[in-house]
């Protein structure tokens, strides 16, 4: 009897570990645009196929970590009260099914709302990441992302720079 319970416990732990495994880990810090202060409790609404699947909150240092499965297109909407929300898309549809273990550091800066500026272009993704089969990496689509970053920086100039995690692949500070 004892042996059977031990086996079931080990099998359950193994299944939980397999169910929790994610193919792409997106992580970073949500900060204020004006100064490098973390935004505690910023929300990350995670959706796929137009359906919001879950919401995460940044911790007291602004840190977040989200696991995404390959084979889907994901959107993460970063938001905080009194700040302009930003949307980022991860097109993981072409990542081979047996690939995984990718990590991306996406540090997000949210700026204060300003009724005098038109931020409606941020209703669409500010940036899109896609799988590049030639390099087998997930990269920012700069043909899409570049012009939007320029437009955003024209409206809200960059105030400070930070060093992102040197271990990450495809690090981006928005």
C-alpha atoms as a PDB file:
ATOM      1  CA  UNK A   1       0.000   0.000   0.000  1.00  0.00           C
ATOM      2  CA  UNK A   2       2.767   2.435   0.962  1.00  0.00           C
ATOM      3  CA  UNK A   3       4.612   1.686  -2.283  1.00  0.00           C
ATOM      4  CA  UNK A   4       1.479   2.415  -4.354  1.00  0.00           C
ATOM      5  CA  UNK A   5       0.918   5.807  -2.665  1.00  0.00           C
ATOM      6  CA  UNK A   6       4.575   6.724  -3.248  1.00  0.00           C
ATOM      7  CA  UNK A   7       4.259   5.863  -6.930  1.00  0.00           C
ATOM      8  CA  UNK A   8       1.092   7.955  -7.287  1.00  0.00           C
ATOM      9  CA  UNK A   9       2.721  10.916  -5.554  1.00  0.00           C
ATOM     10  CA  UNK A  10       5.770  10.747  -7.841  1.00  0.00           C
ATOM     11  CA  UNK A  11       3.576  10.362 -10.944  1.00  0.00           C
ATOM     12  CA  UNK A  12       1.460  13.360  -9.901  1.00  0.00           C
ATOM     13  CA  UNK A  13       4.536  15.536  -9.357  1.00  0.00           C
ATOM     14  CA  UNK A  14       5.879  14.534 -12.788  1.00  0.00           C
ATOM     15  CA  UNK A  15       2.595  15.409 -14.495  1.00  0.00           C
ATOM     16  CA  UNK A  16       2.403  18.778 -12.748  1.00  0.00           C
ATOM     17  CA  UNK A  17       5.948  19.552 -13.905  1.00  0.00           C
ATOM     18  CA  UNK A  18       5.101  18.600 -17.478  1.00  0.00           C
ATOM     19  CA  UNK A  19       1.896  20.646 -17.501  1.00  0.00           C
ATOM     20  CA  UNK A  20       3.702  23.703 -16.149  1.00  0.00           C
ATOM     21  CA  UNK A  21       6.525  23.565 -18.720  1.00  0.00           C
ATOM     22  CA  UNK A  22       6.455  26.459 -21.172  1.00  0.00           C
ATOM     23  CA  UNK A  23       8.282  26.800 -24.486  1.00  0.00           C
ATOM     24  CA  UNK A  24       8.969  30.551 -24.358  1.00  0.00           C
ATOM     25  CA  UNK A  25       9.553  32.573 -21.214  1.00  0.00           C
ATOM     26  CA  UNK A  26       8.979  36.328 -21.434  1.00  0.00           C
ATOM     27  CA  UNK A  27      10.235  38.276 -18.440  1.00  0.00           C
ATOM     28  CA  UNK A  28      11.389  41.735 -17.453  1.00  0.00           C
ATOM     29  CA  UNK A  29      10.501  44.804 -15.445  1.00  0.00           C
ATOM     30  CA  UNK A  30       7.750  47.365 -15.882  1.00  0.00           C
ATOM     31  CA  UNK A  31       9.035  50.857 -15.115  1.00  0.00           C
ATOM     32  CA  UNK A  32       7.987  54.479 -15.278  1.00  0.00           C
ATOM     33  CA  UNK A  33       9.012  56.267 -18.480  1.00  0.00           C
ATOM     34  CA  UNK A  34      10.115  59.385 -16.587  1.00  0.00           C
ATOM     35  CA  UNK A  35      12.578  57.685 -14.226  1.00  0.00           C
ATOM     36  CA  UNK A  36      13.831  54.138 -13.655  1.00  0.00           C
ATOM     37  CA  UNK A  37      11.302  53.420 -10.898  1.00  0.00           C
ATOM     38  CA  UNK A  38       9.413  50.107 -10.924  1.00  0.00           C
ATOM     39  CA  UNK A  39       5.655  50.052 -11.339  1.00  0.00           C
ATOM     40  CA  UNK A  40       4.350  47.719  -8.654  1.00  0.00           C
ATOM     41  CA  UNK A  41       1.145  45.933  -9.597  1.00  0.00           C
ATOM     42  CA  UNK A  42       1.294  46.713 -13.320  1.00  0.00           C
ATOM     43  CA  UNK A  43      -1.025  44.341 -15.174  1.00  0.00           C
ATOM     44  CA  UNK A  44      -0.115  42.069 -18.039  1.00  0.00           C
ATOM     45  CA  UNK A  45      -3.216  40.785 -19.813  1.00  0.00           C
ATOM     46  CA  UNK A  46      -2.225  37.724 -21.844  1.00  0.00           C
ATOM     47  CA  UNK A  47      -4.411  36.701 -24.782  1.00  0.00           C
ATOM     48  CA  UNK A  48      -4.383  34.366 -27.762  1.00  0.00           C
ATOM     49  CA  UNK A  49      -6.854  34.143 -30.645  1.00  0.00           C
ATOM     50  CA  UNK A  50      -8.569  37.297 -29.356  1.00  0.00           C
ATOM     51  CA  UNK A  51      -9.408  35.742 -25.985  1.00  0.00           C
ATOM     52  CA  UNK A  52      -7.871  36.960 -22.726  1.00  0.00           C
ATOM     53  CA  UNK A  53      -6.556  33.842 -21.019  1.00  0.00           C
ATOM     54  CA  UNK A  54      -5.029  35.255 -17.852  1.00  0.00           C
ATOM     55  CA  UNK A  55      -3.757  38.354 -16.063  1.00  0.00           C
ATOM     56  CA  UNK A  56      -0.480  38.740 -14.207  1.00  0.00           C
ATOM     57  CA  UNK A  57       0.745  41.485 -11.871  1.00  0.00           C
ATOM     58  CA  UNK A  58       4.284  42.802 -11.562  1.00  0.00           C
ATOM     59  CA  UNK A  59       5.882  42.402  -8.147  1.00  0.00           C
ATOM     60  CA  UNK A  60       7.278  45.116  -5.840  1.00  0.00           C
ATOM     61  CA  UNK A  61      10.332  45.513  -8.103  1.00  0.00           C
ATOM     62  CA  UNK A  62       8.217  45.703 -11.279  1.00  0.00           C
ATOM     63  CA  UNK A  63       9.320  42.188 -12.266  1.00  0.00           C
ATOM     64  CA  UNK A  64       7.124  39.765 -14.194  1.00  0.00           C
ATOM     65  CA  UNK A  65       7.562  36.335 -15.809  1.00  0.00           C
ATOM     66  CA  UNK A  66       5.131  34.781 -18.299  1.00  0.00           C
ATOM     67  CA  UNK A  67       5.326  31.348 -19.948  1.00  0.00           C
ATOM     68  CA  UNK A  68       3.973  30.989 -23.499  1.00  0.00           C
ATOM     69  CA  UNK A  69       3.458  27.832 -25.546  1.00  0.00           C
ATOM     70  CA  UNK A  70       4.676  27.630 -29.150  1.00  0.00           C
ATOM     71  CA  UNK A  71       2.211  27.087 -31.988  1.00  0.00           C
ATOM     72  CA  UNK A  72       0.104  30.175 -31.177  1.00  0.00           C
ATOM     73  CA  UNK A  73       0.059  33.934 -31.534  1.00  0.00           C
ATOM     74  CA  UNK A  74       0.105  35.660 -28.150  1.00  0.00           C
ATOM     75  CA  UNK A  75      -0.509  39.262 -27.137  1.00  0.00           C
ATOM     76  CA  UNK A  76       0.570  40.841 -23.869  1.00  0.00           C
ATOM     77  CA  UNK A  77      -0.967  44.168 -22.878  1.00  0.00           C
ATOM     78  CA  UNK A  78       1.056  46.058 -20.267  1.00  0.00           C
ATOM     79  CA  UNK A  79      -0.967  48.605 -18.252  1.00  0.00           C
ATOM     80  CA  UNK A  80      -1.013  50.611 -15.025  1.00  0.00           C
ATOM     81  CA  UNK A  81      -3.410  53.266 -13.668  1.00  0.00           C
ATOM     82  CA  UNK A  82      -2.748  56.729 -15.134  1.00  0.00           C
ATOM     83  CA  UNK A  83      -0.341  55.318 -17.739  1.00  0.00           C
ATOM     84  CA  UNK A  84      -0.666  54.589 -21.459  1.00  0.00           C
ATOM     85  CA  UNK A  85      -0.965  50.841 -22.104  1.00  0.00           C
ATOM     86  CA  UNK A  86       1.330  49.080 -24.571  1.00  0.00           C
ATOM     87  CA  UNK A  87       0.628  45.899 -26.495  1.00  0.00           C
ATOM     88  CA  UNK A  88       3.274  43.434 -27.728  1.00  0.00           C
ATOM     89  CA  UNK A  89       2.683  40.398 -29.963  1.00  0.00           C
ATOM     90  CA  UNK A  90       4.588  37.108 -29.956  1.00  0.00           C
ATOM     91  CA  UNK A  91       3.941  35.136 -33.150  1.00  0.00           C
ATOM     92  CA  UNK A  92       5.050  31.654 -32.135  1.00  0.00           C
ATOM     93  CA  UNK A  93       3.009  29.853 -34.790  1.00  0.00           C
ATOM     94  CA  UNK A  94       6.037  28.801 -36.871  1.00  0.00           C
ATOM     95  CA  UNK A  95       8.230  27.588 -34.009  1.00  0.00           C
ATOM     96  CA  UNK A  96       8.813  23.841 -34.492  1.00  0.00           C
ATOM     97  CA  UNK A  97       6.649  21.836 -32.093  1.00  0.00           C
ATOM     98  CA  UNK A  98       9.624  20.107 -30.456  1.00  0.00           C
ATOM     99  CA  UNK A  99      11.542  23.368 -29.963  1.00  0.00           C
ATOM    100  CA  UNK A 100      11.441  25.282 -26.733  1.00  0.00           C
ATOM    101  CA  UNK A 101      13.535  26.791 -24.024  1.00  0.00           C
ATOM    102  CA  UNK A 102      13.498  30.311 -25.454  1.00  0.00           C
ATOM    103  CA  UNK A 103      13.736  33.333 -23.175  1.00  0.00           C
ATOM    104  CA  UNK A 104      13.147  37.017 -23.887  1.00  0.00           C
ATOM    105  CA  UNK A 105      13.797  39.974 -21.624  1.00  0.00           C
ATOM    106  CA  UNK A 106      11.159  42.604 -22.422  1.00  0.00           C
ATOM    107  CA  UNK A 107      11.563  45.596 -20.118  1.00  0.00           C
ATOM    108  CA  UNK A 108       8.532  47.837 -20.540  1.00  0.00           C
ATOM    109  CA  UNK A 109       8.319  51.567 -19.827  1.00  0.00           C
ATOM    110  CA  UNK A 110       4.871  53.037 -19.365  1.00  0.00           C
ATOM    111  CA  UNK A 111       4.421  56.800 -19.642  1.00  0.00           C
ATOM    112  CA  UNK A 112       1.789  59.065 -18.150  1.00  0.00           C
ATOM    113  CA  UNK A 113      -1.447  59.680 -20.029  1.00  0.00           C
ATOM    114  CA  UNK A 114      -1.494  63.016 -21.878  1.00  0.00           C
ATOM    115  CA  UNK A 115      -4.778  64.228 -23.410  1.00  0.00           C
ATOM    116  CA  UNK A 116      -2.798  66.497 -25.757  1.00  0.00           C
ATOM    117  CA  UNK A 117      -1.085  63.578 -27.528  1.00  0.00           C
ATOM    118  CA  UNK A 118      -2.533  60.947 -29.851  1.00  0.00           C
ATOM    119  CA  UNK A 119      -1.448  57.504 -28.674  1.00  0.00           C
ATOM    120  CA  UNK A 120      -4.170  55.635 -30.598  1.00  0.00           C
ATOM    121  CA  UNK A 121      -1.523  53.802 -32.660  1.00  0.00           C
ATOM    122  CA  UNK A 122      -0.686  51.907 -29.444  1.00  0.00           C
ATOM    123  CA  UNK A 123      -4.082  50.177 -29.663  1.00  0.00           C
ATOM    124  CA  UNK A 124      -2.250  47.869 -32.084  1.00  0.00           C
ATOM    125  CA  UNK A 125       0.952  46.043 -31.090  1.00  0.00           C
ATOM    126  CA  UNK A 126       3.938  48.321 -30.598  1.00  0.00           C
ATOM    127  CA  UNK A 127       6.216  45.408 -31.452  1.00  0.00           C
ATOM    128  CA  UNK A 128       5.951  41.941 -32.941  1.00  0.00           C
ATOM    129  CA  UNK A 129       8.345  39.048 -32.277  1.00  0.00           C
ATOM    130  CA  UNK A 130       8.535  36.191 -34.764  1.00  0.00           C
ATOM    131  CA  UNK A 131      10.435  32.952 -35.140  1.00  0.00           C
ATOM    132  CA  UNK A 132      13.284  33.167 -37.671  1.00  0.00           C
ATOM    133  CA  UNK A 133      13.906  29.695 -39.101  1.00  0.00           C
ATOM    134  CA  UNK A 134      17.292  30.746 -40.561  1.00  0.00           C
ATOM    135  CA  UNK A 135      18.717  31.576 -37.128  1.00  0.00           C
ATOM    136  CA  UNK A 136      16.274  29.439 -35.081  1.00  0.00           C
ATOM    137  CA  UNK A 137      15.711  32.452 -32.833  1.00  0.00           C
ATOM    138  CA  UNK A 138      12.706  34.530 -31.898  1.00  0.00           C
ATOM    139  CA  UNK A 139      13.414  38.090 -33.060  1.00  0.00           C
ATOM    140  CA  UNK A 140      11.718  41.464 -33.216  1.00  0.00           C
ATOM    141  CA  UNK A 141      10.231  42.163 -36.643  1.00  0.00           C
ATOM    142  CA  UNK A 142      11.950  45.527 -37.081  1.00  0.00           C
ATOM    143  CA  UNK A 143      10.108  46.314 -40.351  1.00  0.00           C
ATOM    144  CA  UNK A 144       6.955  46.421 -38.228  1.00  0.00           C
ATOM    145  CA  UNK A 145       8.367  47.489 -34.849  1.00  0.00           C
ATOM    146  CA  UNK A 146      10.938  50.107 -35.936  1.00  0.00           C
ATOM    147  CA  UNK A 147       8.550  52.780 -37.304  1.00  0.00           C
ATOM    148  CA  UNK A 148       6.284  52.448 -34.260  1.00  0.00           C
ATOM    149  CA  UNK A 149       9.224  52.896 -31.883  1.00  0.00           C
ATOM    150  CA  UNK A 150      10.264  56.041 -33.787  1.00  0.00           C
ATOM    151  CA  UNK A 151       6.728  57.428 -33.602  1.00  0.00           C
ATOM    152  CA  UNK A 152       6.484  56.669 -29.892  1.00  0.00           C
ATOM    153  CA  UNK A 153       9.830  58.343 -29.150  1.00  0.00           C
ATOM    154  CA  UNK A 154       8.748  61.432 -31.100  1.00  0.00           C
ATOM    155  CA  UNK A 155       5.760  61.748 -28.749  1.00  0.00           C
ATOM    156  CA  UNK A 156       7.618  60.720 -25.592  1.00  0.00           C
ATOM    157  CA  UNK A 157      11.420  61.089 -25.801  1.00  0.00           C
ATOM    158  CA  UNK A 158      13.609  58.546 -24.050  1.00  0.00           C
ATOM    159  CA  UNK A 159      14.757  59.953 -20.706  1.00  0.00           C
ATOM    160  CA  UNK A 160      17.164  57.262 -19.468  1.00  0.00           C
ATOM    161  CA  UNK A 161      18.804  54.050 -20.586  1.00  0.00           C
ATOM    162  CA  UNK A 162      19.228  50.805 -18.692  1.00  0.00           C
ATOM    163  CA  UNK A 163      21.260  47.671 -19.200  1.00  0.00           C
ATOM    164  CA  UNK A 164      19.053  44.667 -19.858  1.00  0.00           C
ATOM    165  CA  UNK A 165      19.834  41.115 -18.837  1.00  0.00           C
ATOM    166  CA  UNK A 166      22.865  40.054 -20.884  1.00  0.00           C
ATOM    167  CA  UNK A 167      21.819  36.397 -20.703  1.00  0.00           C
ATOM    168  CA  UNK A 168      18.517  36.919 -22.508  1.00  0.00           C
ATOM    169  CA  UNK A 169      17.962  36.370 -26.209  1.00  0.00           C
ATOM    170  CA  UNK A 170      16.456  39.196 -28.182  1.00  0.00           C
ATOM    171  CA  UNK A 171      16.471  41.681 -25.298  1.00  0.00           C
ATOM    172  CA  UNK A 172      14.360  44.751 -25.949  1.00  0.00           C
ATOM    173  CA  UNK A 173      13.769  47.799 -23.788  1.00  0.00           C
ATOM    174  CA  UNK A 174      10.632  49.621 -24.862  1.00  0.00           C
END
